[in-house]
Amino acid sequence: MTVDDPTPIGGQGEASRPWEEYVRLARDRLERAVVAEGTSKQIAGAVAFQMVDWLHDLHDLLDMLDPDRHPTDADVSEVLIGFLSHVPEHVAAAAKLYLSLGVRDTFNLGVCEPSEER
Protein backbone atom coordinates (compact mmCIF):
# COMPACT_ATOMS: atom_id res chain seq x y z
CA MET A 1 0.00 0.00 0.00
CA THR A 2 1.17 3.50 -0.71
CA VAL A 3 -0.07 6.80 0.69
CA ASP A 4 -2.51 7.20 -2.18
CA ASP A 5 -3.85 3.68 -1.78
CA PRO A 6 -7.40 3.72 -0.36
CA THR A 7 -6.81 0.45 1.51
CA PRO A 8 -8.27 0.85 4.99
CA ILE A 9 -6.19 0.40 8.14
CA GLY A 10 -7.44 -1.66 11.07
CA GLY A 11 -8.92 -4.68 9.34
CA GLN A 12 -12.25 -4.98 7.66
CA GLY A 13 -15.58 -3.59 8.74
CA GLU A 14 -16.50 -0.70 11.00
CA ALA A 15 -13.09 -0.40 12.68
CA SER A 16 -11.17 0.13 9.43
CA ARG A 17 -10.08 3.64 8.45
CA PRO A 18 -8.70 5.15 5.27
CA TRP A 19 -4.97 5.79 5.40
CA GLU A 20 -5.28 9.60 5.52
CA GLU A 21 -7.63 9.42 8.50
CA TYR A 22 -5.34 6.97 10.29
CA VAL A 23 -2.37 9.33 9.85
CA ARG A 24 -4.41 12.35 10.96
CA LEU A 25 -5.60 10.55 14.09
CA ALA A 26 -2.09 9.34 14.85
CA ARG A 27 -0.72 12.87 14.46
CA ASP A 28 -3.43 14.33 16.70
CA ARG A 29 -2.81 11.67 19.36
CA LEU A 30 0.94 12.21 19.35
CA GLU A 31 0.50 15.97 19.57
CA ARG A 32 -1.87 15.67 22.55
CA ALA A 33 0.54 13.36 24.39
CA VAL A 34 3.51 15.67 23.84
CA VAL A 35 1.51 18.74 24.96
CA ALA A 36 0.40 16.80 28.05
CA GLU A 37 4.07 16.40 28.98
CA GLY A 38 4.44 20.18 29.06
CA THR A 39 5.76 20.86 25.57
CA SER A 40 4.40 23.85 23.67
CA LYS A 41 1.70 23.21 21.09
CA GLN A 42 4.00 24.50 18.34
CA ILE A 43 6.81 22.06 19.21
CA ALA A 44 4.31 19.25 19.84
CA GLY A 45 2.86 19.77 16.37
CA ALA A 46 6.33 19.60 14.85
CA VAL A 47 7.17 16.42 16.78
CA ALA A 48 3.90 14.81 15.69
CA PHE A 49 4.55 15.73 12.05
CA GLN A 50 8.06 14.26 12.21
CA MET A 51 6.65 11.02 13.62
CA VAL A 52 3.85 10.51 11.09
CA ASP A 53 5.35 11.78 7.83
CA TRP A 54 7.15 8.48 7.34
CA LEU A 55 4.39 6.07 8.38
CA HIS A 56 3.68 5.28 4.73
CA ASP A 57 7.30 4.16 4.40
CA LEU A 58 6.87 1.81 7.36
CA HIS A 59 3.63 0.47 5.97
CA ASP A 60 5.21 -0.12 2.56
CA LEU A 61 8.16 -1.94 4.16
CA LEU A 62 5.92 -4.15 6.30
CA ASP A 63 3.76 -4.86 3.28
CA MET A 64 6.83 -5.92 1.28
CA LEU A 65 7.90 -8.27 4.08
CA ASP A 66 4.49 -9.92 4.41
CA PRO A 67 5.12 -13.68 4.15
CA ASP A 68 2.04 -14.06 1.94
CA ARG A 69 3.53 -11.77 -0.69
CA HIS A 70 6.29 -12.71 -3.05
CA PRO A 71 7.97 -9.46 -4.11
CA THR A 72 11.11 -9.47 -6.18
CA ASP A 73 14.43 -8.62 -4.55
CA ALA A 74 14.39 -5.40 -6.58
CA ASP A 75 10.98 -4.46 -5.14
CA VAL A 76 12.14 -5.10 -1.58
CA SER A 77 15.34 -3.15 -2.20
CA GLU A 78 13.42 -0.20 -3.65
CA VAL A 79 11.14 0.02 -0.62
CA LEU A 80 14.07 -0.42 1.79
CA ILE A 81 16.01 2.38 0.08
CA GLY A 82 12.96 4.63 0.29
CA PHE A 83 12.54 3.83 3.98
CA LEU A 84 16.20 4.38 4.86
CA SER A 85 16.46 7.61 2.91
CA HIS A 86 13.33 9.16 4.45
CA VAL A 87 12.77 7.86 7.98
CA PRO A 88 16.01 8.51 9.92
CA GLU A 89 15.97 12.29 9.46
CA HIS A 90 12.38 12.50 10.72
CA VAL A 91 13.13 10.38 13.79
CA ALA A 92 16.28 12.40 14.50
CA ALA A 93 14.32 15.66 14.19
CA ALA A 94 11.60 14.40 16.55
CA ALA A 95 14.21 13.29 19.10
CA LYS A 96 15.91 16.69 18.93
CA LEU A 97 12.64 18.61 19.27
CA TYR A 98 11.10 16.49 22.02
CA LEU A 99 14.08 15.14 23.94
CA SER A 100 16.87 17.54 22.94
CA LEU A 101 18.84 14.50 21.79
CA GLY A 102 21.20 14.75 18.88
CA VAL A 103 22.26 11.92 16.62
CA ARG A 104 25.12 9.82 17.97
CA ASP A 105 27.27 7.33 16.14
CA THR A 106 26.38 4.51 18.53
CA PHE A 107 27.86 1.77 16.35
CA ASN A 108 30.97 3.72 15.23
CA LEU A 109 29.99 3.51 11.56
CA GLY A 110 30.55 7.15 10.70
CA VAL A 111 26.82 7.79 10.39
CA CYS A 112 27.21 11.44 11.33
CA GLU A 113 29.80 12.06 8.61
CA PRO A 114 28.88 12.98 5.04
CA SER A 115 29.32 10.11 2.61
CA GLU A 116 29.23 9.59 -1.10
CA GLU A 117 25.87 8.90 -2.69
CA ARG A 118 25.06 5.25 -3.33
C-alpha atoms as a PDB file:
ATOM      1  CA  MET A   1       0.000   0.000   0.000  1.00  0.00           C
ATOM      2  CA  THR A   2       1.168   3.503  -0.709  1.00  0.00           C
ATOM      3  CA  VAL A   3      -0.068   6.804   0.694  1.00  0.00           C
ATOM      4  CA  ASP A   4      -2.509   7.197  -2.178  1.00  0.00           C
ATOM      5  CA  ASP A   5      -3.853   3.675  -1.779  1.00  0.00           C
ATOM      6  CA  PRO A   6      -7.396   3.722  -0.355  1.00  0.00           C
ATOM      7  CA  THR A   7      -6.812   0.450   1.512  1.00  0.00           C
ATOM      8  CA  PRO A   8      -8.268   0.847   4.994  1.00  0.00           C
ATOM      9  CA  ILE A   9      -6.194   0.395   8.137  1.00  0.00           C
ATOM     10  CA  GLY A  10      -7.437  -1.660  11.074  1.00  0.00           C
ATOM     11  CA  GLY A  11      -8.916  -4.677   9.341  1.00  0.00           C
ATOM     12  CA  GLN A  12     -12.249  -4.982   7.662  1.00  0.00           C
ATOM     13  CA  GLY A  13     -15.576  -3.587   8.742  1.00  0.00           C
ATOM     14  CA  GLU A  14     -16.495  -0.705  10.999  1.00  0.00           C
ATOM     15  CA  ALA A  15     -13.091  -0.402  12.676  1.00  0.00           C
ATOM     16  CA  SER A  16     -11.175   0.133   9.432  1.00  0.00           C
ATOM     17  CA  ARG A  17     -10.078   3.640   8.449  1.00  0.00           C
ATOM     18  CA  PRO A  18      -8.699   5.147   5.270  1.00  0.00           C
ATOM     19  CA  TRP A  19      -4.965   5.789   5.404  1.00  0.00           C
ATOM     20  CA  GLU A  20      -5.276   9.600   5.518  1.00  0.00           C
ATOM     21  CA  GLU A  21      -7.628   9.419   8.500  1.00  0.00           C
ATOM     22  CA  TYR A  22      -5.339   6.971  10.294  1.00  0.00           C
ATOM     23  CA  VAL A  23      -2.372   9.331   9.849  1.00  0.00           C
ATOM     24  CA  ARG A  24      -4.409  12.354  10.956  1.00  0.00           C
ATOM     25  CA  LEU A  25      -5.604  10.553  14.086  1.00  0.00           C
ATOM     26  CA  ALA A  26      -2.087   9.345  14.851  1.00  0.00           C
ATOM     27  CA  ARG A  27      -0.718  12.869  14.455  1.00  0.00           C
ATOM     28  CA  ASP A  28      -3.428  14.334  16.696  1.00  0.00           C
ATOM     29  CA  ARG A  29      -2.810  11.673  19.356  1.00  0.00           C
ATOM     30  CA  LEU A  30       0.939  12.208  19.355  1.00  0.00           C
ATOM     31  CA  GLU A  31       0.498  15.975  19.571  1.00  0.00           C
ATOM     32  CA  ARG A  32      -1.873  15.669  22.549  1.00  0.00           C
ATOM     33  CA  ALA A  33       0.537  13.363  24.394  1.00  0.00           C
ATOM     34  CA  VAL A  34       3.509  15.674  23.838  1.00  0.00           C
ATOM     35  CA  VAL A  35       1.512  18.741  24.956  1.00  0.00           C
ATOM     36  CA  ALA A  36       0.400  16.798  28.052  1.00  0.00           C
ATOM     37  CA  GLU A  37       4.069  16.399  28.984  1.00  0.00           C
ATOM     38  CA  GLY A  38       4.439  20.183  29.059  1.00  0.00           C
ATOM     39  CA  THR A  39       5.764  20.859  25.575  1.00  0.00           C
ATOM     40  CA  SER A  40       4.400  23.854  23.670  1.00  0.00           C
ATOM     41  CA  LYS A  41       1.698  23.213  21.088  1.00  0.00           C
ATOM     42  CA  GLN A  42       4.003  24.501  18.341  1.00  0.00           C
ATOM     43  CA  ILE A  43       6.807  22.064  19.214  1.00  0.00           C
ATOM     44  CA  ALA A  44       4.314  19.245  19.843  1.00  0.00           C
ATOM     45  CA  GLY A  45       2.864  19.773  16.367  1.00  0.00           C
ATOM     46  CA  ALA A  46       6.332  19.605  14.849  1.00  0.00           C
ATOM     47  CA  VAL A  47       7.167  16.420  16.781  1.00  0.00           C
ATOM     48  CA  ALA A  48       3.896  14.813  15.693  1.00  0.00           C
ATOM     49  CA  PHE A  49       4.551  15.734  12.053  1.00  0.00           C
ATOM     50  CA  GLN A  50       8.062  14.256  12.210  1.00  0.00           C
ATOM     51  CA  MET A  51       6.646  11.017  13.623  1.00  0.00           C
ATOM     52  CA  VAL A  52       3.850  10.514  11.087  1.00  0.00           C
ATOM     53  CA  ASP A  53       5.348  11.785   7.834  1.00  0.00           C
ATOM     54  CA  TRP A  54       7.150   8.482   7.339  1.00  0.00           C
ATOM     55  CA  LEU A  55       4.389   6.074   8.377  1.00  0.00           C
ATOM     56  CA  HIS A  56       3.677   5.277   4.731  1.00  0.00           C
ATOM     57  CA  ASP A  57       7.303   4.159   4.399  1.00  0.00           C
ATOM     58  CA  LEU A  58       6.871   1.810   7.356  1.00  0.00           C
ATOM     59  CA  HIS A  59       3.626   0.469   5.965  1.00  0.00           C
ATOM     60  CA  ASP A  60       5.213  -0.123   2.560  1.00  0.00           C
ATOM     61  CA  LEU A  61       8.162  -1.940   4.157  1.00  0.00           C
ATOM     62  CA  LEU A  62       5.923  -4.147   6.302  1.00  0.00           C
ATOM     63  CA  ASP A  63       3.764  -4.863   3.281  1.00  0.00           C
ATOM     64  CA  MET A  64       6.834  -5.916   1.278  1.00  0.00           C
ATOM     65  CA  LEU A  65       7.896  -8.273   4.075  1.00  0.00           C
ATOM     66  CA  ASP A  66       4.494  -9.919   4.414  1.00  0.00           C
ATOM     67  CA  PRO A  67       5.122 -13.675   4.146  1.00  0.00           C
ATOM     68  CA  ASP A  68       2.038 -14.063   1.939  1.00  0.00           C
ATOM     69  CA  ARG A  69       3.533 -11.771  -0.690  1.00  0.00           C
ATOM     70  CA  HIS A  70       6.294 -12.713  -3.047  1.00  0.00           C
ATOM     71  CA  PRO A  71       7.971  -9.463  -4.105  1.00  0.00           C
ATOM     72  CA  THR A  72      11.110  -9.466  -6.182  1.00  0.00           C
ATOM     73  CA  ASP A  73      14.428  -8.619  -4.555  1.00  0.00           C
ATOM     74  CA  ALA A  74      14.394  -5.404  -6.580  1.00  0.00           C
ATOM     75  CA  ASP A  75      10.979  -4.459  -5.144  1.00  0.00           C
ATOM     76  CA  VAL A  76      12.139  -5.101  -1.582  1.00  0.00           C
ATOM     77  CA  SER A  77      15.342  -3.155  -2.197  1.00  0.00           C
ATOM     78  CA  GLU A  78      13.422  -0.199  -3.655  1.00  0.00           C
ATOM     79  CA  VAL A  79      11.143   0.016  -0.624  1.00  0.00           C
ATOM     80  CA  LEU A  80      14.075  -0.423   1.786  1.00  0.00           C
ATOM     81  CA  ILE A  81      16.012   2.381   0.075  1.00  0.00           C
ATOM     82  CA  GLY A  82      12.959   4.632   0.293  1.00  0.00           C
ATOM     83  CA  PHE A  83      12.545   3.835   3.984  1.00  0.00           C
ATOM     84  CA  LEU A  84      16.202   4.375   4.860  1.00  0.00           C
ATOM     85  CA  SER A  85      16.464   7.615   2.915  1.00  0.00           C
ATOM     86  CA  HIS A  86      13.328   9.160   4.446  1.00  0.00           C
ATOM     87  CA  VAL A  87      12.768   7.862   7.979  1.00  0.00           C
ATOM     88  CA  PRO A  88      16.007   8.511   9.924  1.00  0.00           C
ATOM     89  CA  GLU A  89      15.967  12.289   9.461  1.00  0.00           C
ATOM     90  CA  HIS A  90      12.384  12.500  10.715  1.00  0.00           C
ATOM     91  CA  VAL A  91      13.129  10.377  13.786  1.00  0.00           C
ATOM     92  CA  ALA A  92      16.277  12.402  14.496  1.00  0.00           C
ATOM     93  CA  ALA A  93      14.319  15.661  14.188  1.00  0.00           C
ATOM     94  CA  ALA A  94      11.599  14.398  16.549  1.00  0.00           C
ATOM     95  CA  ALA A  95      14.215  13.294  19.097  1.00  0.00           C
ATOM     96  CA  LYS A  96      15.909  16.692  18.933  1.00  0.00           C
ATOM     97  CA  LEU A  97      12.637  18.614  19.271  1.00  0.00           C
ATOM     98  CA  TYR A  98      11.099  16.487  22.020  1.00  0.00           C
ATOM     99  CA  LEU A  99      14.076  15.138  23.942  1.00  0.00           C
ATOM    100  CA  SER A 100      16.874  17.544  22.941  1.00  0.00           C
ATOM    101  CA  LEU A 101      18.837  14.502  21.791  1.00  0.00           C
ATOM    102  CA  GLY A 102      21.199  14.753  18.881  1.00  0.00           C
ATOM    103  CA  VAL A 103      22.255  11.916  16.622  1.00  0.00           C
ATOM    104  CA  ARG A 104      25.121   9.815  17.966  1.00  0.00           C
ATOM    105  CA  ASP A 105      27.270   7.325  16.139  1.00  0.00           C
ATOM    106  CA  THR A 106      26.376   4.507  18.528  1.00  0.00           C
ATOM    107  CA  PHE A 107      27.863   1.774  16.348  1.00  0.00           C
ATOM    108  CA  ASN A 108      30.965   3.722  15.230  1.00  0.00           C
ATOM    109  CA  LEU A 109      29.993   3.505  11.565  1.00  0.00           C
ATOM    110  CA  GLY A 110      30.553   7.154  10.698  1.00  0.00           C
ATOM    111  CA  VAL A 111      26.815   7.791  10.389  1.00  0.00           C
ATOM    112  CA  CYS A 112      27.212  11.439  11.326  1.00  0.00           C
ATOM    113  CA  GLU A 113      29.798  12.063   8.615  1.00  0.00           C
ATOM    114  CA  PRO A 114      28.877  12.979   5.038  1.00  0.00           C
ATOM    115  CA  SER A 115      29.318  10.108   2.615  1.00  0.00           C
ATOM    116  CA  GLU A 116      29.234   9.590  -1.098  1.00  0.00           C
ATOM    117  CA  GLU A 117      25.871   8.901  -2.692  1.00  0.00           C
ATOM    118  CA  ARG A 118      25.063   5.251  -3.335  1.00  0.00           C
END
